[in-house]
Structures are given as structure tokens and as C-alpha cells.
Amino acid sequence: MARATPPGPADPAAIDGYVAGFAGQAAYPHLVELCALLREIVPEGTGEKIAYQLPTFTYHGNLVHFGGFERHVGFYPGGSPTSVFADELAGYVTGKGSIRLPLDRPLPRDLITRIVAFRVEENLSRMSERNRAKARPKPS
């Protein structure tokens, strides 16, 4: 019997496999909810993959990562959102680019939605800057 090929890094099924691996564990409901929310709010054309061993949504570069742990779900939007939204994140354990979402509290859906929208704009701005830099004439 042929062995199934594991999902590749650019295969959206990899994220579903990651989440399914937590079935029966405390983090599973939060992972399912977070994954569904992200799929609902990311722009059309957003990619899904496993990067840094974490489910990752990509939109003109990495957008956000997330992961399951014993006592929390990690949400990794990058460094700037943890600074920009610091006041609203005061009740959460944060690090440079990371937010711990405890399993004993509901997901902050509105905050996650605004963070993802911020990251989309940030990635679009970076893409625009790169395109402007490419279009500049090179000095002779």
C-alpha cells in the first residue's frame, strides 16, 4: 500500500492537520475557533502553510502564526502589533511579537480581527515601499 505524502509547506491541509493533532487536548477548541476566525477575516488570496513549525497565514509575506500549547494558544502577529495594541493587550502575557491567549478565557475576536487588519496594511505598505524602491532609476 502506498504511503500518503505528508502535506508540504505550501499545503493548506497542513494547518488542518496541525489543529487536528490537538484533538482531545485543552487547546483544541481555541485552535479550531482561531483558525476559523482567521480564515474568515484574512483577505482573498491569503496563503496557508506551516512555517517555523506553526500554522501560518501569508499575505505579501508572513501575516500571522499561531500554535497550541498546554495552557494557552500562542498568537504571533509580529513585533509592531504588540506595541501598537499594548493597552488592549495589558491583560495578556506578551513578548516581542507574541501573545498568549489563555485557555480559560474566550478568544478576543475583535482584537484579533483588528490586529490582522493592521498586519494586512503593514504588509501592503512594505510591498508598496519595495515596489517604489525597484522603480527608482539607478544612478549612472
N, C-alpha and C. Protein backbone atom coordinates (compact mmCIF):
# COMPACT_ATOMS: atom_id res chain seq x y z
N MET A 1 0.85 -1.17 0.00
CA MET A 1 0.00 0.00 0.00
C MET A 1 0.90 1.24 0.00
N ALA A 2 0.57 2.21 -0.84
CA ALA A 2 1.36 3.45 -0.93
C ALA A 2 1.15 4.29 0.32
N ARG A 3 2.24 4.87 0.77
CA ARG A 3 2.18 5.74 1.93
C ARG A 3 1.72 7.13 1.51
N ALA A 4 0.84 7.72 2.29
CA ALA A 4 0.37 9.07 1.99
C ALA A 4 1.52 10.05 2.19
N THR A 5 1.62 11.00 1.29
CA THR A 5 2.64 12.02 1.41
C THR A 5 2.18 13.07 2.41
N PRO A 6 3.03 13.39 3.39
CA PRO A 6 2.61 14.42 4.33
C PRO A 6 2.43 15.75 3.61
N PRO A 7 1.57 16.62 4.15
CA PRO A 7 1.34 17.91 3.49
C PRO A 7 2.64 18.70 3.39
N GLY A 8 2.82 19.36 2.28
CA GLY A 8 4.01 20.18 2.07
C GLY A 8 3.85 21.52 2.73
N PRO A 9 4.91 22.34 2.72
CA PRO A 9 4.87 23.62 3.41
C PRO A 9 3.87 24.61 2.81
N ALA A 10 3.45 24.42 1.56
CA ALA A 10 2.50 25.36 0.96
C ALA A 10 1.10 24.76 0.86
N ASP A 11 0.85 23.67 1.58
CA ASP A 11 -0.42 22.96 1.51
C ASP A 11 -1.35 23.40 2.65
N PRO A 12 -2.49 24.05 2.33
CA PRO A 12 -3.40 24.50 3.40
C PRO A 12 -3.86 23.36 4.30
N ALA A 13 -3.88 22.13 3.79
CA ALA A 13 -4.29 21.00 4.62
C ALA A 13 -3.33 20.80 5.79
N ALA A 14 -2.14 21.34 5.68
CA ALA A 14 -1.17 21.21 6.77
C ALA A 14 -1.68 21.90 8.03
N ILE A 15 -2.35 23.04 7.88
CA ILE A 15 -2.89 23.74 9.05
C ILE A 15 -3.99 22.89 9.69
N ASP A 16 -4.86 22.32 8.88
CA ASP A 16 -5.92 21.47 9.42
C ASP A 16 -5.31 20.27 10.15
N GLY A 17 -4.25 19.72 9.60
CA GLY A 17 -3.57 18.60 10.25
C GLY A 17 -2.96 19.00 11.58
N TYR A 18 -2.37 20.18 11.61
CA TYR A 18 -1.78 20.69 12.86
C TYR A 18 -2.87 20.81 13.93
N VAL A 19 -3.98 21.46 13.58
CA VAL A 19 -5.07 21.67 14.53
C VAL A 19 -5.64 20.32 14.97
N ALA A 20 -5.85 19.41 14.04
CA ALA A 20 -6.41 18.09 14.36
C ALA A 20 -5.51 17.32 15.33
N GLY A 21 -4.22 17.60 15.27
CA GLY A 21 -3.28 16.94 16.19
C GLY A 21 -3.53 17.29 17.65
N PHE A 22 -4.33 18.29 17.92
CA PHE A 22 -4.65 18.70 19.29
C PHE A 22 -6.01 18.17 19.76
N ALA A 23 -6.69 17.39 18.92
CA ALA A 23 -7.99 16.85 19.30
C ALA A 23 -7.88 16.15 20.66
N GLY A 24 -8.82 16.44 21.53
CA GLY A 24 -8.82 15.83 22.85
C GLY A 24 -7.99 16.59 23.87
N GLN A 25 -7.27 17.60 23.43
CA GLN A 25 -6.46 18.41 24.35
C GLN A 25 -7.18 19.72 24.63
N ALA A 26 -6.80 20.36 25.72
CA ALA A 26 -7.48 21.58 26.16
C ALA A 26 -7.41 22.70 25.12
N ALA A 27 -6.33 22.78 24.37
CA ALA A 27 -6.16 23.87 23.40
C ALA A 27 -7.01 23.69 22.14
N TYR A 28 -7.49 22.49 21.90
CA TYR A 28 -8.17 22.19 20.63
C TYR A 28 -9.33 23.14 20.31
N PRO A 29 -10.29 23.38 21.21
CA PRO A 29 -11.40 24.28 20.85
C PRO A 29 -10.93 25.68 20.47
N HIS A 30 -9.94 26.20 21.19
CA HIS A 30 -9.42 27.53 20.88
C HIS A 30 -8.71 27.53 19.52
N LEU A 31 -7.97 26.47 19.23
CA LEU A 31 -7.29 26.39 17.93
C LEU A 31 -8.30 26.34 16.79
N VAL A 32 -9.34 25.55 16.95
CA VAL A 32 -10.38 25.45 15.92
C VAL A 32 -11.02 26.82 15.71
N GLU A 33 -11.37 27.48 16.81
CA GLU A 33 -12.02 28.79 16.72
C GLU A 33 -11.09 29.83 16.09
N LEU A 34 -9.83 29.85 16.53
CA LEU A 34 -8.88 30.83 16.00
C LEU A 34 -8.64 30.60 14.52
N CYS A 35 -8.45 29.36 14.12
CA CYS A 35 -8.22 29.04 12.71
C CYS A 35 -9.43 29.47 11.87
N ALA A 36 -10.64 29.16 12.33
CA ALA A 36 -11.85 29.55 11.60
C ALA A 36 -11.96 31.07 11.51
N LEU A 37 -11.68 31.76 12.61
CA LEU A 37 -11.74 33.22 12.60
C LEU A 37 -10.74 33.79 11.60
N LEU A 38 -9.52 33.30 11.64
CA LEU A 38 -8.51 33.81 10.71
C LEU A 38 -8.91 33.59 9.27
N ARG A 39 -9.42 32.40 8.96
CA ARG A 39 -9.86 32.12 7.59
C ARG A 39 -11.00 33.04 7.17
N GLU A 40 -11.79 33.46 8.12
CA GLU A 40 -12.92 34.35 7.86
C GLU A 40 -12.46 35.78 7.57
N ILE A 41 -11.41 36.23 8.23
CA ILE A 41 -11.05 37.65 8.19
C ILE A 41 -9.87 37.99 7.30
N VAL A 42 -9.06 37.02 6.90
CA VAL A 42 -7.92 37.35 6.05
C VAL A 42 -8.41 37.68 4.64
N PRO A 43 -7.66 38.49 3.91
CA PRO A 43 -8.08 38.85 2.54
C PRO A 43 -8.04 37.65 1.60
N GLU A 44 -8.83 37.77 0.56
CA GLU A 44 -8.78 36.76 -0.50
C GLU A 44 -7.36 36.71 -1.04
N GLY A 45 -6.90 35.51 -1.33
CA GLY A 45 -5.54 35.35 -1.84
C GLY A 45 -4.51 35.09 -0.75
N THR A 46 -4.97 35.01 0.50
CA THR A 46 -4.06 34.70 1.60
C THR A 46 -3.66 33.24 1.51
N GLY A 47 -2.38 32.98 1.70
CA GLY A 47 -1.87 31.62 1.67
C GLY A 47 -1.85 31.02 3.06
N GLU A 48 -1.76 29.71 3.10
CA GLU A 48 -1.67 28.97 4.35
C GLU A 48 -0.52 27.99 4.24
N LYS A 49 0.27 27.90 5.29
CA LYS A 49 1.38 26.96 5.29
C LYS A 49 1.84 26.73 6.73
N ILE A 50 2.77 25.82 6.88
CA ILE A 50 3.44 25.64 8.15
C ILE A 50 4.80 26.31 8.01
N ALA A 51 5.10 27.24 8.90
CA ALA A 51 6.40 27.92 8.92
C ALA A 51 6.84 27.99 10.38
N TYR A 52 8.09 27.77 10.62
CA TYR A 52 8.61 27.75 11.99
C TYR A 52 7.84 26.73 12.83
N GLN A 53 7.38 25.66 12.19
CA GLN A 53 6.60 24.59 12.81
C GLN A 53 5.27 25.08 13.38
N LEU A 54 4.76 26.18 12.84
CA LEU A 54 3.49 26.76 13.28
C LEU A 54 2.59 27.02 12.08
N PRO A 55 1.27 26.89 12.25
CA PRO A 55 0.36 27.31 11.19
C PRO A 55 0.57 28.79 10.89
N THR A 56 0.64 29.11 9.62
CA THR A 56 0.99 30.46 9.19
C THR A 56 0.07 30.90 8.06
N PHE A 57 -0.43 32.11 8.17
CA PHE A 57 -1.18 32.73 7.09
C PHE A 57 -0.26 33.75 6.44
N THR A 58 -0.20 33.73 5.12
CA THR A 58 0.69 34.63 4.39
C THR A 58 -0.10 35.54 3.46
N TYR A 59 0.31 36.79 3.43
CA TYR A 59 -0.28 37.77 2.53
C TYR A 59 0.79 38.80 2.27
N HIS A 60 1.44 38.68 1.11
CA HIS A 60 2.59 39.52 0.79
C HIS A 60 3.65 39.41 1.89
N GLY A 61 3.92 38.18 2.26
CA GLY A 61 4.83 37.87 3.36
C GLY A 61 4.04 37.22 4.49
N ASN A 62 4.75 36.79 5.52
CA ASN A 62 4.06 36.19 6.66
C ASN A 62 3.13 37.23 7.29
N LEU A 63 1.92 36.79 7.56
CA LEU A 63 0.91 37.67 8.16
C LEU A 63 0.82 37.39 9.66
N VAL A 64 0.40 36.19 10.03
CA VAL A 64 0.34 35.78 11.43
C VAL A 64 0.61 34.28 11.52
N HIS A 65 1.09 33.87 12.68
CA HIS A 65 1.29 32.46 13.02
C HIS A 65 0.46 32.20 14.28
N PHE A 66 0.17 30.92 14.54
CA PHE A 66 -0.45 30.55 15.81
C PHE A 66 -0.03 29.14 16.16
N GLY A 67 -0.22 28.79 17.43
CA GLY A 67 0.16 27.45 17.85
C GLY A 67 -0.51 27.07 19.16
N GLY A 68 -0.62 25.77 19.37
CA GLY A 68 -1.25 25.26 20.58
C GLY A 68 -0.23 24.84 21.62
N PHE A 69 -0.57 25.09 22.87
CA PHE A 69 0.27 24.73 24.00
C PHE A 69 -0.61 24.19 25.12
N GLU A 70 -0.02 23.70 26.16
CA GLU A 70 -0.77 23.07 27.23
C GLU A 70 -1.75 24.02 27.92
N ARG A 71 -1.32 25.27 28.16
CA ARG A 71 -2.15 26.21 28.92
C ARG A 71 -2.60 27.44 28.13
N HIS A 72 -2.19 27.52 26.88
CA HIS A 72 -2.57 28.70 26.09
C HIS A 72 -2.46 28.39 24.61
N VAL A 73 -2.98 29.31 23.83
CA VAL A 73 -2.76 29.31 22.38
C VAL A 73 -1.87 30.50 22.11
N GLY A 74 -0.80 30.27 21.40
CA GLY A 74 0.10 31.36 21.03
C GLY A 74 -0.38 32.00 19.73
N PHE A 75 -0.39 33.31 19.71
CA PHE A 75 -0.75 34.07 18.51
C PHE A 75 0.43 34.99 18.23
N TYR A 76 0.97 34.90 17.02
CA TYR A 76 2.21 35.58 16.68
C TYR A 76 2.01 36.52 15.49
N PRO A 77 1.62 37.77 15.76
CA PRO A 77 1.41 38.72 14.68
C PRO A 77 2.64 39.55 14.32
N GLY A 78 3.74 39.32 15.01
CA GLY A 78 4.94 40.13 14.78
C GLY A 78 5.08 41.21 15.83
N GLY A 79 6.20 41.90 15.79
CA GLY A 79 6.53 42.86 16.84
C GLY A 79 5.70 44.12 16.91
N SER A 80 5.38 44.71 15.79
CA SER A 80 4.70 46.01 15.85
C SER A 80 3.29 45.94 16.45
N PRO A 81 2.46 44.93 16.16
CA PRO A 81 1.14 44.91 16.78
C PRO A 81 1.18 44.80 18.30
N THR A 82 2.16 44.11 18.85
CA THR A 82 2.21 44.02 20.31
C THR A 82 2.52 45.37 20.93
N SER A 83 3.17 46.25 20.17
CA SER A 83 3.40 47.62 20.65
C SER A 83 2.18 48.50 20.41
N VAL A 84 1.65 48.46 19.19
CA VAL A 84 0.52 49.31 18.81
C VAL A 84 -0.72 49.01 19.66
N PHE A 85 -0.96 47.75 19.97
CA PHE A 85 -2.14 47.35 20.72
C PHE A 85 -1.81 47.06 22.19
N ALA A 86 -0.71 47.59 22.69
CA ALA A 86 -0.23 47.28 24.05
C ALA A 86 -1.28 47.51 25.12
N ASP A 87 -2.02 48.62 25.04
CA ASP A 87 -3.03 48.91 26.07
C ASP A 87 -4.09 47.82 26.12
N GLU A 88 -4.54 47.37 24.95
CA GLU A 88 -5.58 46.35 24.89
C GLU A 88 -5.05 44.96 25.25
N LEU A 89 -3.74 44.80 25.13
CA LEU A 89 -3.11 43.51 25.43
C LEU A 89 -2.62 43.44 26.87
N ALA A 90 -2.91 44.46 27.67
CA ALA A 90 -2.39 44.53 29.03
C ALA A 90 -2.78 43.30 29.87
N GLY A 91 -3.90 42.69 29.60
CA GLY A 91 -4.33 41.52 30.37
C GLY A 91 -3.77 40.20 29.87
N TYR A 92 -2.88 40.25 28.91
CA TYR A 92 -2.30 39.04 28.32
C TYR A 92 -0.79 39.03 28.51
N VAL A 93 -0.22 37.85 28.53
CA VAL A 93 1.23 37.73 28.53
C VAL A 93 1.68 37.94 27.09
N THR A 94 2.55 38.90 26.89
CA THR A 94 3.05 39.19 25.54
C THR A 94 4.57 39.18 25.55
N GLY A 95 5.11 39.01 24.40
CA GLY A 95 6.55 39.12 24.18
C GLY A 95 6.73 39.85 22.88
N LYS A 96 7.94 39.94 22.41
CA LYS A 96 8.18 40.61 21.15
C LYS A 96 7.53 39.78 20.03
N GLY A 97 6.38 40.23 19.60
CA GLY A 97 5.68 39.55 18.51
C GLY A 97 4.80 38.39 18.92
N SER A 98 4.61 38.17 20.23
CA SER A 98 3.80 37.03 20.66
C SER A 98 2.75 37.45 21.68
N ILE A 99 1.63 36.75 21.63
CA ILE A 99 0.53 36.98 22.56
C ILE A 99 0.05 35.61 23.03
N ARG A 100 0.00 35.42 24.33
CA ARG A 100 -0.53 34.17 24.89
C ARG A 100 -2.02 34.36 25.16
N LEU A 101 -2.82 33.54 24.52
CA LEU A 101 -4.27 33.57 24.71
C LEU A 101 -4.63 32.41 25.64
N PRO A 102 -4.94 32.70 26.91
CA PRO A 102 -5.19 31.63 27.88
C PRO A 102 -6.44 30.83 27.53
N LEU A 103 -6.39 29.56 27.88
CA LEU A 103 -7.48 28.65 27.53
C LEU A 103 -8.72 28.84 28.41
N ASP A 104 -8.56 29.53 29.53
CA ASP A 104 -9.70 29.71 30.43
C ASP A 104 -10.48 31.00 30.14
N ARG A 105 -10.17 31.65 29.03
CA ARG A 105 -10.87 32.88 28.62
C ARG A 105 -11.28 32.76 27.16
N PRO A 106 -12.38 33.42 26.78
CA PRO A 106 -12.76 33.40 25.36
C PRO A 106 -11.71 34.14 24.52
N LEU A 107 -11.62 33.76 23.27
CA LEU A 107 -10.70 34.47 22.37
C LEU A 107 -11.17 35.91 22.21
N PRO A 108 -10.24 36.85 22.20
CA PRO A 108 -10.61 38.26 21.96
C PRO A 108 -10.79 38.49 20.45
N ARG A 109 -11.90 38.03 19.93
CA ARG A 109 -12.14 38.00 18.49
C ARG A 109 -11.99 39.39 17.84
N ASP A 110 -12.57 40.40 18.47
CA ASP A 110 -12.50 41.75 17.90
C ASP A 110 -11.05 42.23 17.85
N LEU A 111 -10.31 42.00 18.92
CA LEU A 111 -8.90 42.42 18.96
C LEU A 111 -8.08 41.67 17.92
N ILE A 112 -8.29 40.38 17.81
CA ILE A 112 -7.58 39.59 16.80
C ILE A 112 -7.90 40.11 15.40
N THR A 113 -9.16 40.42 15.16
CA THR A 113 -9.58 40.95 13.86
C THR A 113 -8.85 42.26 13.55
N ARG A 114 -8.77 43.14 14.53
CA ARG A 114 -8.09 44.42 14.30
C ARG A 114 -6.58 44.24 14.14
N ILE A 115 -6.00 43.30 14.86
CA ILE A 115 -4.57 43.03 14.71
C ILE A 115 -4.28 42.49 13.31
N VAL A 116 -5.10 41.57 12.84
CA VAL A 116 -4.89 41.03 11.49
C VAL A 116 -5.05 42.13 10.45
N ALA A 117 -6.05 42.98 10.60
CA ALA A 117 -6.23 44.10 9.65
C ALA A 117 -5.00 45.01 9.67
N PHE A 118 -4.46 45.26 10.84
CA PHE A 118 -3.24 46.06 10.96
C PHE A 118 -2.08 45.39 10.23
N ARG A 119 -1.95 44.07 10.40
CA ARG A 119 -0.86 43.35 9.73
C ARG A 119 -1.03 43.35 8.22
N VAL A 120 -2.26 43.25 7.74
CA VAL A 120 -2.51 43.31 6.29
C VAL A 120 -2.02 44.65 5.76
N GLU A 121 -2.41 45.73 6.42
CA GLU A 121 -1.98 47.07 5.98
C GLU A 121 -0.46 47.20 6.06
N GLU A 122 0.13 46.66 7.10
CA GLU A 122 1.58 46.71 7.27
C GLU A 122 2.28 45.99 6.11
N ASN A 123 1.79 44.80 5.76
CA ASN A 123 2.41 44.05 4.67
C ASN A 123 2.20 44.74 3.33
N LEU A 124 1.01 45.32 3.12
CA LEU A 124 0.76 46.05 1.86
C LEU A 124 1.67 47.27 1.76
N SER A 125 1.88 47.95 2.87
CA SER A 125 2.76 49.11 2.88
C SER A 125 4.20 48.71 2.56
N ARG A 126 4.65 47.63 3.15
CA ARG A 126 6.01 47.14 2.87
C ARG A 126 6.16 46.76 1.40
N MET A 127 5.13 46.11 0.86
CA MET A 127 5.17 45.71 -0.54
C MET A 127 5.24 46.95 -1.43
N SER A 128 4.45 47.96 -1.09
CA SER A 128 4.44 49.20 -1.86
C SER A 128 5.81 49.88 -1.81
N GLU A 129 6.41 49.91 -0.62
CA GLU A 129 7.75 50.50 -0.48
C GLU A 129 8.78 49.75 -1.33
N ARG A 130 8.70 48.42 -1.31
CA ARG A 130 9.63 47.61 -2.13
C ARG A 130 9.44 47.90 -3.61
N ASN A 131 8.17 48.02 -4.04
CA ASN A 131 7.90 48.31 -5.44
C ASN A 131 8.41 49.69 -5.84
N ARG A 132 8.25 50.68 -4.95
CA ARG A 132 8.78 52.02 -5.24
C ARG A 132 10.30 51.99 -5.34
N ALA A 133 10.93 51.24 -4.48
CA ALA A 133 12.40 51.15 -4.50
C ALA A 133 12.88 50.50 -5.79
N LYS A 134 12.16 49.49 -6.26
CA LYS A 134 12.54 48.84 -7.52
C LYS A 134 12.36 49.77 -8.71
N ALA A 135 11.37 50.63 -8.64
CA ALA A 135 11.05 51.53 -9.77
C ALA A 135 11.99 52.74 -9.85
N ARG A 136 12.70 53.02 -8.79
CA ARG A 136 13.62 54.19 -8.83
C ARG A 136 14.73 53.96 -9.82
N PRO A 137 15.03 54.98 -10.59
CA PRO A 137 16.14 54.81 -11.55
C PRO A 137 17.46 54.69 -10.78
N LYS A 138 18.30 53.83 -11.29
CA LYS A 138 19.60 53.63 -10.68
C LYS A 138 20.53 54.76 -11.09
N PRO A 139 21.34 55.28 -10.17
CA PRO A 139 22.27 56.35 -10.53
C PRO A 139 23.29 55.86 -11.56
N SER A 140 23.63 56.72 -12.51
CA SER A 140 24.58 56.34 -13.56
C SER A 140 25.99 56.53 -13.13
